[in-house]
Each structure stands twice: as C-alpha cells, then as structure tokens.
C-alpha cells in the first residue's frame, strides 16, 4: 500500500511541472473522467497517450476516414463523441491503475509535407483514489511549504563555506612558517676537495 502512495505522490509532484497546459483531475475508483482535446482544424489525426513518456496509446482518431480506434486496454471503458477538432473522450469505471498523465497529441503536415506531431490543449493529470480523505491528504502533502528543506540546504552550504575558509586560513598560516626554516647545509665531499687541491699543484 505504501508503494502505491509513493508512486501516486511521485507522479503528482513530477507531473505538476511537466504538464504545462494541463489540469489535475481528482476522481474516485468507479467514477468517470472526460478528456477534452482541442486540435487545429488542419491536423490529420488525434492521438491520446498515457504515461510520463507517453508509452501507452489509448485512442486514435483519423480525420479523413472519420474513424476512431480504441486500444485494447480501454475498449470496454472508453467512449468518444468523434466531433473533430474538439473531441471529448470519456473513460468510465476508473481504477487505481488509471492514475497518470494523459496527453492529447495531433499530427499535421508542414510546408515541406513532413509529418509533425505536437501536443494539443486538453492534456490532464488524472489521480484516482479509493476514498475522499486520501485526496485531501495527498494535495496537502504536495503543497506543504518546503521551509525545512531550504533551511537545511542553507545550513549545509554555510558549513561547507566555513570549512573551506578554515582550510584556506590554515594553509596560509602554515606556508609562511615553512619559508622561515633555515636551509640545510649540504655536507661537503672531502675526497673531491682533496682531489681538486692535488690537481692544482
């Protein structure tokens, strides 16, 4: 149970920043959610994907064929009104596994006839909970001020700066003491000096 809540809070906190034009939608198990995707009229299709990396494709609508495809995981629970370019996609009978970001994407042709895929307005972060008390607790945990973390970070930075300054002062104090030490006298090699005297004679 702890891992479920950890996953829920992680997804919520990470995705709140990742979804720029999206809203957070809170639902309970068994309820339904409607995703309203609005795409430009010149787009070729609409794709709804799920997951942080958009790894699960749940819905596809082709503008020219006026045909929609609901992928296997959502076939019994997903409905679409097929009103292009403003499609409403309804997911019924939500489960805890439905928690996550849902992305509205569309494909269009640029001036060089290259297929370009882009995000459309209407993306949401869906959070499915078991009961109403959990919703409020999760929101308050994500919105708690991070004063303790900021204070701890400032204290750690100050301690590191003080340690660095103390090390620098010690190095500067020890360095002058080393320069005042008298150099050692090198013992002379008597044999060499004797040889020099002999050669001079």
N, C-alpha and C. Protein backbone atom coordinates (compact mmCIF):
# COMPACT_ATOMS: atom_id res chain seq x y z
N UNK A 1 0.83 -1.19 0.00
CA UNK A 1 0.00 0.00 0.00
C UNK A 1 0.87 1.25 0.00
N UNK A 2 2.01 1.17 0.75
CA UNK A 2 2.91 2.31 0.80
C UNK A 2 3.47 2.62 -0.58
N UNK A 3 3.80 1.58 -1.35
CA UNK A 3 4.37 1.80 -2.68
C UNK A 3 3.37 2.47 -3.62
N UNK A 4 2.09 2.15 -3.44
CA UNK A 4 1.06 2.80 -4.27
C UNK A 4 1.03 4.29 -3.99
N UNK A 5 1.06 4.66 -2.71
CA UNK A 5 1.01 6.09 -2.36
C UNK A 5 2.29 6.80 -2.75
N UNK A 6 3.41 6.11 -2.61
CA UNK A 6 4.66 6.71 -3.04
C UNK A 6 4.64 6.98 -4.54
N UNK A 7 4.13 6.03 -5.30
CA UNK A 7 4.01 6.21 -6.75
C UNK A 7 3.05 7.36 -7.07
N UNK A 8 1.94 7.42 -6.34
CA UNK A 8 0.95 8.46 -6.56
C UNK A 8 1.53 9.84 -6.30
N UNK A 9 2.22 10.00 -5.18
CA UNK A 9 2.80 11.30 -4.85
C UNK A 9 3.93 11.67 -5.81
N UNK A 10 4.72 10.68 -6.23
CA UNK A 10 5.79 10.96 -7.19
C UNK A 10 5.23 11.43 -8.52
N UNK A 11 4.24 10.71 -9.02
CA UNK A 11 3.62 11.11 -10.29
C UNK A 11 3.01 12.49 -10.16
N UNK A 12 2.33 12.74 -9.07
CA UNK A 12 1.68 14.04 -8.88
C UNK A 12 2.69 15.16 -8.84
N UNK A 13 3.72 15.01 -8.04
CA UNK A 13 4.70 16.08 -7.89
C UNK A 13 5.51 16.32 -9.17
N UNK A 14 5.87 15.24 -9.88
CA UNK A 14 6.64 15.39 -11.11
C UNK A 14 5.80 15.94 -12.25
N UNK A 15 4.58 15.45 -12.34
CA UNK A 15 3.76 15.83 -13.48
C UNK A 15 3.16 17.21 -13.34
N UNK A 16 3.04 17.71 -12.13
CA UNK A 16 2.51 19.06 -11.97
C UNK A 16 3.38 20.07 -12.71
N UNK A 17 4.68 19.79 -12.79
CA UNK A 17 5.58 20.68 -13.51
C UNK A 17 5.64 20.33 -14.99
N UNK A 18 5.48 19.06 -15.31
CA UNK A 18 5.63 18.61 -16.70
C UNK A 18 4.43 19.00 -17.55
N UNK A 19 3.25 19.03 -16.98
CA UNK A 19 2.06 19.34 -17.75
C UNK A 19 1.81 20.84 -17.70
N UNK A 20 2.26 21.54 -18.71
CA UNK A 20 2.16 22.99 -18.66
C UNK A 20 0.75 23.48 -18.89
N UNK A 21 0.04 22.89 -19.83
CA UNK A 21 -1.31 23.37 -20.12
C UNK A 21 -2.37 22.42 -19.58
N UNK A 22 -1.96 21.54 -18.71
CA UNK A 22 -2.88 20.51 -18.22
C UNK A 22 -3.37 20.85 -16.83
N UNK A 23 -4.49 20.22 -16.48
CA UNK A 23 -5.03 20.37 -15.15
C UNK A 23 -4.98 19.05 -14.43
N UNK A 24 -5.00 19.12 -13.10
CA UNK A 24 -5.04 17.90 -12.30
C UNK A 24 -6.49 17.58 -12.03
N UNK A 25 -6.88 16.36 -12.34
CA UNK A 25 -8.27 15.91 -12.16
C UNK A 25 -8.26 14.79 -11.12
N UNK A 26 -9.01 15.00 -10.03
CA UNK A 26 -9.12 14.01 -8.97
C UNK A 26 -10.42 13.25 -9.14
N UNK A 27 -10.33 11.92 -9.16
CA UNK A 27 -11.52 11.07 -9.27
C UNK A 27 -11.37 9.91 -8.30
N UNK A 28 -12.50 9.25 -8.04
CA UNK A 28 -12.51 8.08 -7.17
C UNK A 28 -12.72 6.83 -8.01
N UNK A 29 -12.32 5.70 -7.45
CA UNK A 29 -12.48 4.42 -8.14
C UNK A 29 -13.95 4.24 -8.53
N UNK A 30 -14.17 3.85 -9.79
CA UNK A 30 -15.52 3.62 -10.28
C UNK A 30 -16.14 4.82 -10.98
N UNK A 31 -15.59 6.01 -10.80
CA UNK A 31 -16.13 7.20 -11.46
C UNK A 31 -15.65 7.26 -12.91
N UNK A 32 -16.02 8.34 -13.59
CA UNK A 32 -15.62 8.54 -14.98
C UNK A 32 -14.94 9.89 -15.12
N UNK A 33 -14.10 10.02 -16.14
CA UNK A 33 -13.41 11.27 -16.43
C UNK A 33 -13.56 11.57 -17.92
N UNK A 34 -13.68 12.85 -18.25
CA UNK A 34 -13.76 13.28 -19.64
C UNK A 34 -12.53 14.11 -19.98
N UNK A 35 -11.86 13.71 -21.05
CA UNK A 35 -10.70 14.44 -21.56
C UNK A 35 -11.15 15.17 -22.81
N UNK A 36 -11.03 16.50 -22.81
CA UNK A 36 -11.45 17.30 -23.96
C UNK A 36 -10.21 17.79 -24.70
N UNK A 37 -9.96 17.17 -25.84
CA UNK A 37 -8.81 17.53 -26.66
C UNK A 37 -9.25 18.48 -27.77
N UNK A 38 -8.53 19.57 -27.91
CA UNK A 38 -8.83 20.56 -28.95
C UNK A 38 -7.61 20.64 -29.87
N UNK A 39 -7.81 20.25 -31.13
CA UNK A 39 -6.71 20.25 -32.09
C UNK A 39 -7.01 21.24 -33.21
N UNK A 40 -5.98 21.74 -33.89
CA UNK A 40 -6.22 22.64 -35.03
C UNK A 40 -7.00 21.94 -36.14
N UNK A 41 -7.75 22.70 -36.89
CA UNK A 41 -8.59 22.10 -37.93
C UNK A 41 -7.78 21.51 -39.07
N UNK A 42 -6.54 21.94 -39.26
CA UNK A 42 -5.72 21.39 -40.35
C UNK A 42 -4.96 20.14 -39.94
N UNK A 43 -5.17 19.64 -38.75
CA UNK A 43 -4.47 18.43 -38.31
C UNK A 43 -5.07 17.20 -38.98
N UNK A 44 -4.26 16.16 -39.09
CA UNK A 44 -4.68 14.94 -39.78
C UNK A 44 -5.36 13.95 -38.84
N UNK A 45 -4.92 13.94 -37.57
CA UNK A 45 -5.47 12.97 -36.62
C UNK A 45 -5.28 13.46 -35.19
N UNK A 46 -5.87 12.71 -34.27
CA UNK A 46 -5.72 12.98 -32.85
C UNK A 46 -5.31 11.68 -32.17
N UNK A 47 -4.36 11.78 -31.26
CA UNK A 47 -3.87 10.63 -30.52
C UNK A 47 -3.91 10.99 -29.04
N UNK A 48 -4.45 10.10 -28.22
CA UNK A 48 -4.40 10.29 -26.77
C UNK A 48 -3.49 9.20 -26.21
N UNK A 49 -2.46 9.65 -25.46
CA UNK A 49 -1.49 8.73 -24.89
C UNK A 49 -1.46 8.89 -23.38
N UNK A 50 -1.02 7.84 -22.71
CA UNK A 50 -0.94 7.84 -21.25
C UNK A 50 0.48 7.55 -20.82
N UNK A 51 0.90 8.17 -19.72
CA UNK A 51 2.21 7.88 -19.12
C UNK A 51 3.15 9.06 -19.23
N UNK A 52 4.15 9.07 -18.35
CA UNK A 52 5.13 10.16 -18.36
C UNK A 52 5.87 10.24 -19.68
N UNK A 53 6.18 9.08 -20.25
CA UNK A 53 6.89 9.05 -21.53
C UNK A 53 5.95 8.76 -22.69
N UNK A 54 4.65 8.93 -22.46
CA UNK A 54 3.63 8.70 -23.48
C UNK A 54 3.75 7.30 -24.06
N UNK A 55 3.96 6.32 -23.19
CA UNK A 55 4.23 4.96 -23.65
C UNK A 55 3.00 4.15 -23.99
N UNK A 56 1.81 4.54 -23.50
CA UNK A 56 0.59 3.77 -23.76
C UNK A 56 -0.34 4.60 -24.64
N UNK A 57 -0.62 4.11 -25.82
CA UNK A 57 -1.55 4.80 -26.71
C UNK A 57 -2.94 4.24 -26.44
N UNK A 58 -3.90 5.14 -26.11
CA UNK A 58 -5.23 4.63 -25.74
C UNK A 58 -6.31 4.97 -26.77
N UNK A 59 -6.07 5.99 -27.60
CA UNK A 59 -7.11 6.41 -28.53
C UNK A 59 -6.47 7.04 -29.76
N UNK A 60 -7.08 6.75 -30.94
CA UNK A 60 -6.61 7.34 -32.19
C UNK A 60 -7.83 7.70 -33.03
N UNK A 61 -7.82 8.91 -33.60
CA UNK A 61 -8.92 9.33 -34.47
C UNK A 61 -8.34 9.87 -35.76
N UNK A 62 -8.78 9.32 -36.90
CA UNK A 62 -8.34 9.76 -38.22
C UNK A 62 -9.39 10.73 -38.77
N UNK A 63 -8.96 11.94 -39.10
CA UNK A 63 -9.87 12.99 -39.55
C UNK A 63 -10.49 12.64 -40.91
N UNK A 64 -9.68 12.18 -41.85
CA UNK A 64 -10.18 11.91 -43.20
C UNK A 64 -11.14 10.72 -43.25
N UNK A 65 -10.83 9.68 -42.52
CA UNK A 65 -11.69 8.49 -42.54
C UNK A 65 -12.84 8.59 -41.54
N UNK A 66 -12.77 9.61 -40.65
CA UNK A 66 -13.78 9.78 -39.59
C UNK A 66 -13.92 8.49 -38.78
N UNK A 67 -12.79 7.89 -38.51
CA UNK A 67 -12.78 6.61 -37.81
C UNK A 67 -11.92 6.73 -36.56
N UNK A 68 -12.42 6.17 -35.47
CA UNK A 68 -11.65 6.16 -34.23
C UNK A 68 -11.26 4.73 -33.87
N UNK A 69 -10.11 4.62 -33.22
CA UNK A 69 -9.62 3.32 -32.77
C UNK A 69 -9.35 3.43 -31.28
N UNK A 70 -9.99 2.55 -30.51
CA UNK A 70 -9.77 2.49 -29.07
C UNK A 70 -8.90 1.27 -28.81
N UNK A 71 -7.81 1.49 -28.14
CA UNK A 71 -6.87 0.40 -27.93
C UNK A 71 -7.34 -0.53 -26.83
N UNK A 72 -6.84 -1.75 -26.87
CA UNK A 72 -7.36 -2.89 -26.13
C UNK A 72 -7.58 -2.65 -24.64
N UNK A 73 -6.66 -2.01 -23.96
CA UNK A 73 -6.80 -1.83 -22.51
C UNK A 73 -8.02 -1.00 -22.13
N UNK A 74 -8.51 -0.16 -23.04
CA UNK A 74 -9.60 0.75 -22.72
C UNK A 74 -10.86 0.49 -23.55
N UNK A 75 -10.92 -0.58 -24.33
CA UNK A 75 -12.04 -0.79 -25.25
C UNK A 75 -13.40 -0.80 -24.57
N UNK A 76 -13.51 -1.45 -23.44
CA UNK A 76 -14.82 -1.57 -22.79
C UNK A 76 -15.19 -0.33 -21.98
N UNK A 77 -14.22 0.55 -21.74
CA UNK A 77 -14.47 1.68 -20.84
C UNK A 77 -14.36 3.05 -21.48
N UNK A 78 -13.98 3.14 -22.74
CA UNK A 78 -13.74 4.44 -23.37
C UNK A 78 -14.79 4.74 -24.43
N UNK A 79 -15.26 5.99 -24.43
CA UNK A 79 -16.20 6.46 -25.45
C UNK A 79 -15.70 7.78 -26.01
N UNK A 80 -16.03 8.04 -27.27
CA UNK A 80 -15.65 9.31 -27.91
C UNK A 80 -16.84 9.85 -28.67
N UNK A 81 -16.94 11.19 -28.73
CA UNK A 81 -18.04 11.78 -29.48
C UNK A 81 -17.69 12.02 -30.95
N UNK A 82 -16.40 11.86 -31.32
CA UNK A 82 -15.92 12.00 -32.70
C UNK A 82 -16.26 13.33 -33.34
N UNK A 83 -16.35 14.40 -32.58
CA UNK A 83 -16.58 15.74 -33.11
C UNK A 83 -15.24 16.43 -33.32
N UNK A 84 -14.66 16.21 -34.48
CA UNK A 84 -13.35 16.79 -34.78
C UNK A 84 -13.52 18.26 -35.12
N UNK A 85 -12.74 19.18 -34.66
CA UNK A 85 -11.45 19.10 -33.97
C UNK A 85 -11.55 19.18 -32.44
N UNK A 86 -12.74 19.20 -31.86
CA UNK A 86 -12.87 19.21 -30.40
C UNK A 86 -13.47 17.89 -29.95
N UNK A 87 -12.61 16.94 -29.64
CA UNK A 87 -13.07 15.61 -29.25
C UNK A 87 -13.14 15.49 -27.74
N UNK A 88 -14.20 14.86 -27.29
CA UNK A 88 -14.34 14.53 -25.87
C UNK A 88 -14.20 13.02 -25.74
N UNK A 89 -13.27 12.61 -24.89
CA UNK A 89 -13.02 11.19 -24.66
C UNK A 89 -13.37 10.90 -23.21
N UNK A 90 -14.26 9.96 -23.01
CA UNK A 90 -14.74 9.63 -21.66
C UNK A 90 -14.25 8.24 -21.27
N UNK A 91 -13.59 8.17 -20.13
CA UNK A 91 -13.13 6.89 -19.59
C UNK A 91 -14.00 6.58 -18.38
N UNK A 92 -14.71 5.45 -18.44
CA UNK A 92 -15.62 5.07 -17.37
C UNK A 92 -14.96 4.04 -16.46
N UNK A 93 -15.59 3.82 -15.30
CA UNK A 93 -15.19 2.79 -14.35
C UNK A 93 -13.68 2.85 -14.06
N UNK A 94 -13.22 3.99 -13.57
CA UNK A 94 -11.80 4.21 -13.31
C UNK A 94 -11.27 3.27 -12.23
N UNK A 95 -10.02 2.89 -12.39
CA UNK A 95 -9.32 2.07 -11.40
C UNK A 95 -8.08 2.83 -10.94
N UNK A 96 -7.41 2.31 -9.91
CA UNK A 96 -6.18 2.96 -9.42
C UNK A 96 -5.09 2.94 -10.49
N UNK A 97 -5.11 1.96 -11.37
CA UNK A 97 -4.10 1.89 -12.44
C UNK A 97 -4.28 2.96 -13.50
N UNK A 98 -5.43 3.64 -13.51
CA UNK A 98 -5.65 4.70 -14.48
C UNK A 98 -4.97 6.00 -14.09
N UNK A 99 -4.39 6.07 -12.89
CA UNK A 99 -3.70 7.27 -12.44
C UNK A 99 -2.51 7.55 -13.34
N UNK A 100 -2.37 8.81 -13.74
CA UNK A 100 -1.23 9.20 -14.56
C UNK A 100 -1.58 10.32 -15.52
N UNK A 101 -0.60 10.81 -16.25
CA UNK A 101 -0.85 11.88 -17.22
C UNK A 101 -1.45 11.32 -18.52
N UNK A 102 -2.37 12.07 -19.08
CA UNK A 102 -2.99 11.74 -20.37
C UNK A 102 -2.70 12.90 -21.31
N UNK A 103 -2.11 12.60 -22.45
CA UNK A 103 -1.64 13.61 -23.39
C UNK A 103 -2.49 13.62 -24.65
N UNK A 104 -2.93 14.80 -25.05
CA UNK A 104 -3.61 14.98 -26.34
C UNK A 104 -2.54 15.39 -27.35
N UNK A 105 -2.42 14.64 -28.44
CA UNK A 105 -1.43 14.94 -29.47
C UNK A 105 -2.10 14.88 -30.83
N UNK A 106 -1.55 15.60 -31.77
CA UNK A 106 -2.09 15.58 -33.13
C UNK A 106 -0.95 15.61 -34.13
N UNK A 107 -1.26 15.18 -35.35
CA UNK A 107 -0.27 15.14 -36.42
C UNK A 107 -0.74 16.05 -37.55
N UNK A 108 0.19 16.78 -38.13
CA UNK A 108 -0.13 17.65 -39.27
C UNK A 108 1.05 17.65 -40.23
N UNK A 109 0.83 18.16 -41.42
CA UNK A 109 1.89 18.27 -42.42
C UNK A 109 2.41 19.69 -42.44
N UNK A 110 3.74 19.84 -42.41
CA UNK A 110 4.30 21.19 -42.51
C UNK A 110 4.41 21.59 -43.99
N UNK A 111 5.03 22.72 -44.27
CA UNK A 111 5.07 23.22 -45.65
C UNK A 111 5.89 22.32 -46.57
N UNK A 112 6.78 21.48 -46.00
CA UNK A 112 7.57 20.55 -46.79
C UNK A 112 6.95 19.15 -46.81
N UNK A 113 5.72 19.05 -46.36
CA UNK A 113 4.97 17.80 -46.31
C UNK A 113 5.62 16.76 -45.39
N UNK A 114 6.24 17.22 -44.34
CA UNK A 114 6.76 16.33 -43.31
C UNK A 114 5.69 16.18 -42.23
N UNK A 115 5.55 14.98 -41.72
CA UNK A 115 4.59 14.74 -40.64
C UNK A 115 5.18 15.24 -39.33
N UNK A 116 4.47 16.13 -38.67
CA UNK A 116 4.89 16.69 -37.39
C UNK A 116 3.84 16.33 -36.34
N UNK A 117 4.29 15.82 -35.19
CA UNK A 117 3.39 15.51 -34.08
C UNK A 117 3.61 16.54 -32.99
N UNK A 118 2.51 17.08 -32.47
CA UNK A 118 2.59 18.13 -31.46
C UNK A 118 1.55 17.89 -30.38
N UNK A 119 1.77 18.50 -29.21
CA UNK A 119 0.80 18.38 -28.11
C UNK A 119 -0.32 19.38 -28.31
N UNK A 120 -1.51 18.95 -27.91
CA UNK A 120 -2.70 19.79 -28.04
C UNK A 120 -3.22 20.15 -26.65
N UNK A 121 -3.96 21.23 -26.54
CA UNK A 121 -4.60 21.57 -25.26
C UNK A 121 -5.58 20.47 -24.86
N UNK A 122 -5.71 20.27 -23.57
CA UNK A 122 -6.64 19.27 -23.06
C UNK A 122 -5.97 18.15 -22.29
N UNK A 123 -4.63 18.13 -22.28
CA UNK A 123 -3.92 17.11 -21.52
C UNK A 123 -4.23 17.26 -20.04
N UNK A 124 -4.34 16.13 -19.34
CA UNK A 124 -4.66 16.18 -17.91
C UNK A 124 -3.75 15.24 -17.14
N UNK A 125 -3.69 15.46 -15.83
CA UNK A 125 -3.10 14.51 -14.91
C UNK A 125 -4.24 13.95 -14.10
N UNK A 126 -4.51 12.68 -14.28
CA UNK A 126 -5.62 12.01 -13.60
C UNK A 126 -5.09 11.31 -12.35
N UNK A 127 -5.73 11.59 -11.21
CA UNK A 127 -5.38 10.93 -9.96
C UNK A 127 -6.63 10.21 -9.47
N UNK A 128 -6.55 8.89 -9.40
CA UNK A 128 -7.68 8.08 -8.96
C UNK A 128 -7.38 7.60 -7.54
N UNK A 129 -8.31 7.87 -6.62
CA UNK A 129 -8.12 7.48 -5.22
C UNK A 129 -9.25 6.56 -4.78
N UNK A 130 -9.02 5.89 -3.64
CA UNK A 130 -10.03 4.97 -3.12
C UNK A 130 -11.10 5.70 -2.31
N UNK A 131 -10.71 6.73 -1.54
CA UNK A 131 -11.70 7.46 -0.77
C UNK A 131 -11.39 8.95 -0.75
N UNK A 132 -12.30 9.76 -0.27
CA UNK A 132 -12.17 11.22 -0.34
C UNK A 132 -11.10 11.77 0.61
N UNK A 133 -10.86 11.14 1.75
CA UNK A 133 -9.86 11.64 2.69
C UNK A 133 -8.46 11.58 2.11
N UNK A 134 -8.20 10.57 1.30
CA UNK A 134 -6.89 10.42 0.68
C UNK A 134 -6.59 11.58 -0.24
N UNK A 135 -7.59 12.05 -0.96
CA UNK A 135 -7.40 13.15 -1.91
C UNK A 135 -6.88 14.39 -1.20
N UNK A 136 -7.50 14.77 -0.12
CA UNK A 136 -7.10 15.98 0.59
C UNK A 136 -5.71 15.82 1.20
N UNK A 137 -5.40 14.63 1.75
CA UNK A 137 -4.08 14.40 2.34
C UNK A 137 -2.99 14.48 1.28
N UNK A 138 -3.21 13.90 0.12
CA UNK A 138 -2.20 13.92 -0.94
C UNK A 138 -1.97 15.33 -1.44
N UNK A 139 -3.03 16.12 -1.58
CA UNK A 139 -2.87 17.50 -2.04
C UNK A 139 -2.09 18.31 -1.02
N UNK A 140 -2.43 18.15 0.26
CA UNK A 140 -1.74 18.93 1.28
C UNK A 140 -0.27 18.54 1.38
N UNK A 141 0.06 17.26 1.16
CA UNK A 141 1.46 16.86 1.21
C UNK A 141 2.26 17.47 0.07
N UNK A 142 1.67 17.58 -1.09
CA UNK A 142 2.38 18.15 -2.23
C UNK A 142 2.48 19.67 -2.10
N UNK A 143 1.56 20.28 -1.40
CA UNK A 143 1.55 21.74 -1.31
C UNK A 143 2.19 22.26 -0.04
N UNK A 144 2.71 21.37 0.84
CA UNK A 144 3.34 21.83 2.06
C UNK A 144 4.54 22.68 1.71
N UNK A 145 4.77 23.75 2.46
CA UNK A 145 5.95 24.56 2.20
C UNK A 145 7.22 23.78 2.49
N UNK A 146 8.22 24.02 1.72
CA UNK A 146 9.47 23.29 1.85
C UNK A 146 10.48 24.09 2.66
N UNK A 147 10.02 24.78 3.71
CA UNK A 147 10.90 25.62 4.51
C UNK A 147 12.01 24.82 5.17
N UNK A 148 11.70 23.62 5.65
CA UNK A 148 12.71 22.81 6.33
C UNK A 148 13.83 22.43 5.38
N UNK A 149 13.47 22.08 4.16
CA UNK A 149 14.49 21.68 3.18
C UNK A 149 15.36 22.88 2.81
N UNK A 150 14.75 24.04 2.64
CA UNK A 150 15.52 25.24 2.31
C UNK A 150 16.46 25.60 3.45
N UNK A 151 15.96 25.56 4.68
CA UNK A 151 16.80 25.88 5.84
C UNK A 151 17.96 24.90 5.97
N UNK A 152 17.69 23.62 5.78
CA UNK A 152 18.73 22.61 5.84
C UNK A 152 19.78 22.83 4.75
N UNK A 153 19.35 23.18 3.56
CA UNK A 153 20.28 23.44 2.45
C UNK A 153 21.16 24.64 2.75
N UNK A 154 20.58 25.69 3.31
CA UNK A 154 21.36 26.89 3.65
C UNK A 154 22.39 26.56 4.72
N UNK A 155 22.00 25.80 5.74
CA UNK A 155 22.92 25.43 6.81
C UNK A 155 24.07 24.58 6.29
N UNK A 156 23.78 23.64 5.41
CA UNK A 156 24.84 22.80 4.84
C UNK A 156 25.80 23.63 4.01
N UNK A 157 25.26 24.54 3.21
CA UNK A 157 26.12 25.42 2.39
C UNK A 157 27.00 26.29 3.28
N UNK A 158 26.44 26.84 4.35
CA UNK A 158 27.22 27.68 5.27
C UNK A 158 28.32 26.86 5.93
N UNK A 159 28.02 25.62 6.34
CA UNK A 159 29.03 24.78 6.97
C UNK A 159 30.16 24.46 6.00
N UNK A 160 29.83 24.18 4.75
CA UNK A 160 30.86 23.88 3.75
C UNK A 160 31.74 25.11 3.51
N UNK A 161 31.15 26.28 3.44
CA UNK A 161 31.93 27.52 3.23
C UNK A 161 32.85 27.77 4.41
N UNK A 162 32.37 27.55 5.63
CA UNK A 162 33.20 27.75 6.82
C UNK A 162 34.38 26.78 6.81
N UNK A 163 34.14 25.52 6.47
CA UNK A 163 35.22 24.53 6.41
C UNK A 163 36.25 24.93 5.37
N UNK A 164 35.80 25.39 4.22
CA UNK A 164 36.73 25.81 3.17
C UNK A 164 37.56 27.00 3.63
N UNK A 165 36.94 27.99 4.28
CA UNK A 165 37.67 29.16 4.78
C UNK A 165 38.70 28.76 5.84
N UNK A 166 38.34 27.86 6.76
CA UNK A 166 39.27 27.41 7.78
C UNK A 166 40.46 26.71 7.12
N UNK A 167 40.21 25.88 6.13
CA UNK A 167 41.30 25.20 5.43
C UNK A 167 42.23 26.20 4.74
N UNK A 168 41.66 27.20 4.11
CA UNK A 168 42.47 28.23 3.44
C UNK A 168 43.32 28.98 4.45
N UNK A 169 42.74 29.36 5.60
CA UNK A 169 43.49 30.08 6.64
C UNK A 169 44.62 29.22 7.20
N UNK A 170 44.36 27.93 7.41
CA UNK A 170 45.42 27.04 7.90
C UNK A 170 46.55 26.92 6.90
N UNK A 171 46.22 26.82 5.64
CA UNK A 171 47.25 26.71 4.61
C UNK A 171 48.08 27.98 4.56
N UNK A 172 47.42 29.14 4.64
CA UNK A 172 48.16 30.40 4.61
C UNK A 172 49.03 30.58 5.86
N UNK A 173 48.59 30.07 6.99
CA UNK A 173 49.36 30.19 8.22
C UNK A 173 50.55 29.25 8.21
N UNK A 174 50.39 28.06 7.71
CA UNK A 174 51.47 27.07 7.68
C UNK A 174 52.51 27.41 6.61
N UNK A 175 52.11 27.98 5.51
CA UNK A 175 53.01 28.30 4.41
C UNK A 175 54.13 29.27 4.83
N UNK A 176 53.84 30.38 5.54
CA UNK A 176 54.94 31.27 5.95
C UNK A 176 55.90 30.60 6.93
N UNK A 177 55.42 29.69 7.77
CA UNK A 177 56.31 29.00 8.70
C UNK A 177 57.30 28.12 7.95
N UNK A 178 56.91 27.56 6.89
CA UNK A 178 57.80 26.70 6.13
C UNK A 178 58.91 27.51 5.43
N UNK A 179 58.62 28.73 5.06
CA UNK A 179 59.64 29.54 4.38
C UNK A 179 60.68 30.07 5.34
N UNK A 180 60.39 30.15 6.64
CA UNK A 180 61.36 30.67 7.61
C UNK A 180 62.34 29.60 8.08
N UNK A 181 62.17 28.39 7.73
CA UNK A 181 63.08 27.31 8.13
C UNK A 181 64.40 27.50 7.40
N UNK A 182 65.51 27.42 8.16
CA UNK A 182 66.83 27.59 7.56
C UNK A 182 67.14 26.39 6.67
N UNK A 183 67.73 26.65 5.55
CA UNK A 183 68.06 25.54 4.67
C UNK A 183 69.18 24.68 5.27
N UNK A 184 69.14 23.44 4.98
CA UNK A 184 70.16 22.53 5.48
C UNK A 184 71.47 22.75 4.75
N UNK A 185 72.52 22.61 5.51
CA UNK A 185 73.83 22.70 4.87
C UNK A 185 74.19 21.34 4.31
N UNK A 186 74.64 21.38 3.12
CA UNK A 186 75.00 20.14 2.45
C UNK A 186 76.42 19.78 2.87
N UNK A 187 76.58 18.60 3.37
CA UNK A 187 77.96 18.22 3.75
C UNK A 187 78.86 18.16 2.50
N UNK A 188 80.03 18.60 2.68
CA UNK A 188 80.96 18.61 1.55
C UNK A 188 81.61 17.25 1.40
N UNK A 189 81.95 17.01 0.21
CA UNK A 189 82.62 15.75 -0.08
C UNK A 189 84.13 16.00 0.00
N UNK A 190 84.74 15.54 1.04
CA UNK A 190 86.15 15.81 1.28
C UNK A 190 87.06 15.20 0.22
N UNK A 191 86.69 14.09 -0.29
CA UNK A 191 87.50 13.42 -1.29
C UNK A 191 87.59 14.29 -2.53
N UNK A 192 86.53 14.88 -2.91
CA UNK A 192 86.50 15.72 -4.10
C UNK A 192 87.38 16.95 -3.89
N UNK A 193 87.27 17.54 -2.70
CA UNK A 193 88.09 18.73 -2.43
C UNK A 193 89.58 18.37 -2.41
N UNK A 194 89.91 17.22 -1.86
CA UNK A 194 91.31 16.78 -1.85
C UNK A 194 91.81 16.60 -3.28
N UNK A 195 91.02 16.09 -4.09
CA UNK A 195 91.43 15.86 -5.49
C UNK A 195 91.64 17.20 -6.22
N UNK A 196 90.82 18.17 -5.87
CA UNK A 196 90.99 19.46 -6.51
C UNK A 196 92.32 20.11 -6.07
N UNK A 197 92.65 19.94 -4.84
CA UNK A 197 93.88 20.52 -4.36
C UNK A 197 95.10 19.86 -5.03
N UNK A 198 95.01 18.58 -5.25
CA UNK A 198 96.11 17.85 -5.85
C UNK A 198 96.29 18.28 -7.28
N UNK A 199 95.19 18.48 -7.99
CA UNK A 199 95.30 18.85 -9.39
C UNK A 199 95.78 20.28 -9.56
N UNK A 200 95.57 21.12 -8.59
CA UNK A 200 96.03 22.49 -8.68
C UNK A 200 97.54 22.60 -8.53
N UNK A 201 98.11 21.73 -7.84
CA UNK A 201 99.55 21.79 -7.56
C UNK A 201 100.38 21.47 -8.71
